[in-house]
Amino acid sequence: MPEAPEEQWRTYDEFAAGIATYRLPNADLSGRELTVTLDDGTTLALRFEDAETVTCNGIKDPYDAVAVREDVFFVNLPHTSVEGEALTVVFSTTTHRALAVRSVIGAEDVEGVPRVSQTFWSGTTDAGTPSGEVPGPSRDLIGKRNVYRYSPEHLYEHVYVSSQRYAWQCLEGVQRGHGDMDLSTVWKFQDGLYLFCFREFRIAVASVWLHDLGYALKTTGVFLGLTGDGRSEHSRAGGHIYPLGAVAYPDAQPV
């Protein structure tokens, strides 16, 4: 696909407008308290004050939560206490497993490195005895090709090419005709549920998604990036997944 002209390349806030149209509804976690212990020993003591505010380790920030499944919650803290950072936590009330992703906008551009970085942890909650598989890196999506419909004006195709990169193109929307191959990370949370994160090279943006590739075929996500005028901004996202197919490599495998 020919590269779109530089002057037509859209900023993060332009393409993100309306991308939460088909997102699952927010969940109200008011009154819930939960401590998540991460695999490096860090603890996240979460107290959900109401439907929009959470105290994490004594610091208040906004949050939004989605019940991706009846027993699995996707919770994002778009920090106002720290500029240019977000914390996303996924946890199960059945297995008491958790994972966390911290997204951070770097102070300046570095050639060949995405401006927004991400760090990943697995964890457990204090709500019960952990069971089942420990969340961790997965190769399950390699070779798969899906289309994602986020709104009537947002349609994107993803091809998962390796454990480190994915290719995308916009089929409908303000980015139509644009595409790239960016850094990505995939973790399996549990059967059919995959954390998918990408970090773009061309613009300062990264995202965190939880793909439900079971019967639901829905995805819930968030973005963190810089707007066209240089402000950090958090956006919610979500939509429907339409699998197009998959390939299997006969001999040499992608990284």
Protein backbone atom coordinates (compact mmCIF):
# COMPACT_ATOMS: atom_id res chain seq x y z
CA MET A 1 0.00 0.00 0.00
CA PRO A 2 1.48 3.39 -0.94
CA GLU A 3 2.42 5.50 2.03
CA ALA A 4 0.01 8.34 2.74
CA PRO A 5 1.43 11.81 2.12
CA GLU A 6 3.07 13.29 5.21
CA GLU A 7 0.75 16.30 5.26
CA GLN A 8 -2.27 13.97 5.43
CA TRP A 9 -1.07 11.91 8.39
CA ARG A 10 -3.65 12.31 11.16
CA THR A 11 -2.88 13.18 14.76
CA TYR A 12 -3.92 10.96 17.65
CA ASP A 13 -6.86 13.13 18.72
CA GLU A 14 -8.20 13.24 15.16
CA PHE A 15 -8.37 9.48 14.66
CA ALA A 16 -9.49 8.74 18.24
CA ALA A 17 -12.62 10.90 18.07
CA GLY A 18 -15.62 8.56 18.25
CA ILE A 19 -13.56 5.37 18.59
CA ALA A 20 -15.47 4.36 21.74
CA THR A 21 -18.88 4.30 20.03
CA TYR A 22 -19.23 0.50 20.20
CA ARG A 23 -17.42 0.10 23.53
CA LEU A 24 -19.03 -2.03 26.21
CA PRO A 25 -20.79 0.01 28.95
CA ASN A 26 -18.91 1.19 32.00
CA ALA A 27 -19.13 -0.77 35.24
CA ASP A 28 -19.58 0.91 38.62
CA LEU A 29 -17.11 -0.47 41.19
CA SER A 30 -18.19 1.88 43.99
CA GLY A 31 -17.27 0.60 47.44
CA ARG A 32 -15.02 -2.22 46.20
CA GLU A 33 -11.56 -2.60 47.72
CA LEU A 34 -8.89 -4.75 46.11
CA THR A 35 -5.16 -5.25 46.58
CA VAL A 36 -3.20 -6.46 43.56
CA THR A 37 0.29 -7.89 44.16
CA LEU A 38 2.46 -7.72 41.04
CA ASP A 39 5.19 -10.17 40.13
CA ASP A 40 7.93 -7.71 41.13
CA GLY A 41 6.48 -7.44 44.64
CA THR A 42 4.75 -4.09 44.09
CA THR A 43 1.26 -3.81 45.56
CA LEU A 44 -1.63 -1.74 44.23
CA ALA A 45 -4.14 -1.01 46.99
CA LEU A 46 -7.29 0.05 45.14
CA ARG A 47 -10.32 1.61 46.82
CA PHE A 48 -13.10 2.60 44.44
CA GLU A 49 -14.68 5.67 46.01
CA ASP A 50 -17.56 6.00 43.54
CA ALA A 51 -18.30 5.31 39.86
CA GLU A 52 -15.47 7.57 38.65
CA THR A 53 -12.83 7.95 41.39
CA VAL A 54 -10.34 5.46 42.78
CA THR A 55 -7.66 5.76 45.45
CA CYS A 56 -4.57 3.76 44.50
CA ASN A 57 -1.88 3.54 47.18
CA GLY A 58 -3.29 6.67 48.80
CA ILE A 59 -3.46 8.76 45.61
CA LYS A 60 -6.80 9.70 44.05
CA ASP A 61 -7.30 9.46 40.30
CA PRO A 62 -10.19 8.95 37.91
CA TYR A 63 -10.93 5.47 36.59
CA ASP A 64 -13.19 3.72 34.16
CA ALA A 65 -14.08 0.05 34.35
CA VAL A 66 -15.69 -2.44 31.98
CA ALA A 67 -16.98 -5.92 32.80
CA VAL A 68 -15.45 -7.67 29.79
CA ARG A 69 -16.92 -10.91 31.10
CA GLU A 70 -19.10 -11.48 34.14
CA ASP A 71 -16.00 -12.21 36.24
CA VAL A 72 -13.31 -10.19 34.39
CA PHE A 73 -12.85 -6.44 34.73
CA PHE A 74 -10.79 -4.06 32.60
CA VAL A 75 -9.92 -1.00 34.72
CA ASN A 76 -8.02 2.03 33.47
CA LEU A 77 -6.60 4.86 35.56
CA PRO A 78 -5.95 7.83 33.23
CA HIS A 79 -3.72 9.57 35.76
CA THR A 80 -4.32 13.19 36.61
CA SER A 81 -1.91 12.90 39.55
CA VAL A 82 0.98 12.30 37.10
CA GLU A 83 1.18 13.94 33.69
CA GLY A 84 1.40 11.64 30.68
CA GLU A 85 0.87 8.32 32.45
CA ALA A 86 -1.85 5.69 32.68
CA LEU A 87 -2.24 2.46 34.62
CA THR A 88 -4.44 -0.36 33.32
CA VAL A 89 -5.38 -3.34 35.48
CA VAL A 90 -7.24 -6.48 34.41
CA PHE A 91 -8.46 -8.84 37.13
CA SER A 92 -10.68 -11.88 37.53
CA THR A 93 -13.02 -12.39 40.47
CA THR A 94 -12.97 -16.14 39.78
CA THR A 95 -9.28 -17.02 39.29
CA HIS A 96 -8.01 -14.00 41.29
CA ARG A 97 -5.37 -13.50 38.61
CA ALA A 98 -4.46 -10.00 37.42
CA LEU A 99 -2.19 -8.14 35.06
CA ALA A 100 -1.13 -4.51 34.89
CA VAL A 101 0.23 -2.20 32.21
CA ARG A 102 1.81 1.20 32.82
CA SER A 103 1.94 3.51 29.79
CA VAL A 104 4.22 6.56 29.90
CA ILE A 105 4.80 9.37 27.40
CA GLY A 106 8.52 10.08 27.09
CA ALA A 107 9.91 13.56 27.62
CA GLU A 108 11.14 13.86 24.02
CA ASP A 109 11.28 12.03 20.71
CA VAL A 110 14.06 9.48 20.20
CA GLU A 111 14.79 8.32 16.67
CA GLY A 112 13.53 4.78 16.04
CA VAL A 113 11.84 4.44 19.45
CA PRO A 114 8.10 4.91 20.13
CA ARG A 115 7.48 8.02 22.25
CA VAL A 116 5.07 6.13 24.54
CA SER A 117 6.57 3.18 26.44
CA GLN A 118 4.80 0.37 28.28
CA THR A 119 5.69 -1.94 31.17
CA PHE A 120 3.86 -5.20 31.94
CA TRP A 121 3.30 -7.28 35.07
CA SER A 122 1.29 -10.33 36.03
CA GLY A 123 -0.26 -10.37 39.47
CA THR A 124 -2.77 -11.79 41.91
CA THR A 125 -5.56 -10.24 43.97
CA ASP A 126 -6.28 -10.60 47.67
CA ALA A 127 -9.87 -11.72 47.01
CA GLY A 128 -9.09 -15.44 47.06
CA THR A 129 -6.63 -18.20 46.26
CA PRO A 130 -5.22 -17.80 42.71
CA SER A 131 -6.02 -20.58 40.26
CA GLY A 132 -5.52 -21.31 36.60
CA GLU A 133 -2.86 -20.11 34.20
CA VAL A 134 -0.56 -17.22 35.14
CA PRO A 135 -1.02 -14.35 32.63
CA GLY A 136 2.01 -13.93 30.41
CA PRO A 137 3.37 -13.37 26.89
CA SER A 138 1.62 -15.36 24.18
CA ARG A 139 2.26 -16.27 20.55
CA ASP A 140 -1.35 -17.35 19.98
CA LEU A 141 -2.26 -14.40 17.73
CA ILE A 142 0.69 -14.77 15.32
CA GLY A 143 -0.65 -15.29 11.81
CA LYS A 144 -4.18 -14.14 12.62
CA ARG A 145 -5.92 -11.44 10.59
CA ASN A 146 -8.89 -9.55 12.07
CA VAL A 147 -11.04 -6.54 11.25
CA TYR A 148 -12.10 -4.21 14.09
CA ARG A 149 -15.23 -2.04 13.91
CA TYR A 150 -15.19 0.70 16.56
CA SER A 151 -17.91 2.96 15.13
CA PRO A 152 -19.73 3.54 11.82
CA GLU A 153 -16.68 5.64 10.85
CA HIS A 154 -13.87 3.48 12.29
CA LEU A 155 -12.86 0.21 10.59
CA TYR A 156 -9.32 -1.17 10.93
CA GLU A 157 -7.52 -4.33 9.88
CA HIS A 158 -4.81 -5.97 12.01
CA VAL A 159 -2.36 -8.67 10.99
CA TYR A 160 -0.30 -10.13 13.84
CA VAL A 161 3.05 -10.88 12.21
CA SER A 162 5.30 -11.81 15.16
CA SER A 163 5.67 -11.67 18.93
CA GLN A 164 6.93 -8.10 18.58
CA ARG A 165 5.05 -6.44 15.71
CA TYR A 166 1.70 -6.14 14.04
CA ALA A 167 0.59 -4.50 10.80
CA TRP A 168 -2.49 -2.29 10.52
CA GLN A 169 -4.41 -0.35 7.94
CA CYS A 170 -7.46 1.88 8.14
CA LEU A 171 -10.31 0.75 5.87
CA GLU A 172 -12.82 3.43 6.92
CA GLY A 173 -12.27 6.67 8.82
CA VAL A 174 -10.06 9.74 8.81
CA GLN A 175 -6.98 7.51 8.52
CA ARG A 176 -8.30 5.66 5.45
CA GLY A 177 -5.34 4.62 3.31
CA HIS A 178 -2.92 4.92 6.20
CA GLY A 179 -1.14 1.93 7.68
CA ASP A 180 2.10 0.88 9.31
CA MET A 181 3.90 -1.88 11.19
CA ASP A 182 4.35 -1.02 14.85
CA LEU A 183 5.66 -2.59 18.03
CA SER A 184 3.13 -4.76 19.84
CA THR A 185 2.80 -6.99 22.88
CA VAL A 186 0.33 -9.85 23.38
CA TRP A 187 -0.35 -11.57 26.70
CA LYS A 188 -2.85 -14.32 27.35
CA PHE A 189 -5.01 -13.56 30.37
CA GLN A 190 -7.16 -16.68 30.23
CA ASP A 191 -8.91 -18.81 27.61
CA GLY A 192 -10.01 -16.55 24.76
CA LEU A 193 -8.92 -13.32 26.50
CA TYR A 194 -5.80 -11.60 25.17
CA LEU A 195 -4.14 -8.38 26.20
CA PHE A 196 -2.98 -6.59 23.04
CA CYS A 197 -0.90 -3.41 23.23
CA PHE A 198 0.76 -1.36 20.52
CA ARG A 199 3.24 1.52 20.47
CA GLU A 200 3.35 3.62 17.31
CA PHE A 201 6.50 5.01 15.73
CA ARG A 202 5.06 7.83 13.62
CA ILE A 203 2.93 9.53 16.24
CA ALA A 204 3.15 9.58 20.05
CA VAL A 205 0.42 7.11 20.98
CA ALA A 206 0.09 3.69 22.57
CA SER A 207 -2.92 1.59 23.46
CA VAL A 208 -4.04 -1.20 25.76
CA TRP A 209 -6.78 -3.59 24.60
CA LEU A 210 -8.40 -6.72 25.98
CA HIS A 211 -9.60 -8.85 23.07
CA ASP A 212 -12.35 -11.34 23.84
CA LEU A 213 -11.84 -13.87 21.06
CA GLY A 214 -14.36 -16.30 22.54
CA TYR A 215 -18.05 -16.15 21.68
CA ALA A 216 -18.30 -12.41 22.37
CA LEU A 217 -15.78 -11.21 19.74
CA LYS A 218 -15.56 -7.81 21.43
CA THR A 219 -12.59 -5.64 22.37
CA THR A 220 -12.21 -3.02 25.10
CA GLY A 221 -9.35 -0.55 25.10
CA VAL A 222 -7.76 2.78 25.93
CA PHE A 223 -5.26 5.13 24.30
CA LEU A 224 -2.62 7.44 25.73
CA GLY A 225 -0.85 9.90 23.46
CA LEU A 226 -0.07 13.47 22.46
CA THR A 227 -2.62 15.58 20.61
CA GLY A 228 -1.78 17.72 17.60
CA ASP A 229 -1.03 20.66 19.87
CA GLY A 230 1.22 18.62 22.17
CA ARG A 231 -1.11 17.87 25.10
CA SER A 232 -1.28 14.44 26.68
CA GLU A 233 -4.70 12.88 26.29
CA HIS A 234 -6.47 9.68 27.37
CA SER A 235 -9.20 8.12 25.23
CA ARG A 236 -11.49 5.14 25.66
CA ALA A 237 -12.09 2.71 22.81
CA GLY A 238 -13.87 -0.51 21.99
CA GLY A 239 -15.80 -2.41 19.38
CA HIS A 240 -16.47 -5.61 17.48
CA ILE A 241 -13.96 -8.17 16.18
CA TYR A 242 -14.43 -9.89 12.82
CA PRO A 243 -11.87 -12.67 12.20
CA LEU A 244 -10.75 -12.90 8.57
CA GLY A 245 -8.55 -15.97 8.88
CA ALA A 246 -5.10 -17.14 9.88
CA VAL A 247 -1.93 -18.61 8.42
CA ALA A 248 0.41 -21.24 9.87
CA TYR A 249 4.12 -21.19 9.16
CA PRO A 250 5.35 -24.61 7.93
CA ASP A 251 8.97 -24.40 9.10
CA ALA A 252 10.81 -21.22 10.17
CA GLN A 253 8.74 -19.29 12.70
CA PRO A 254 8.52 -15.51 13.34
CA VAL A 255 10.34 -14.15 16.36
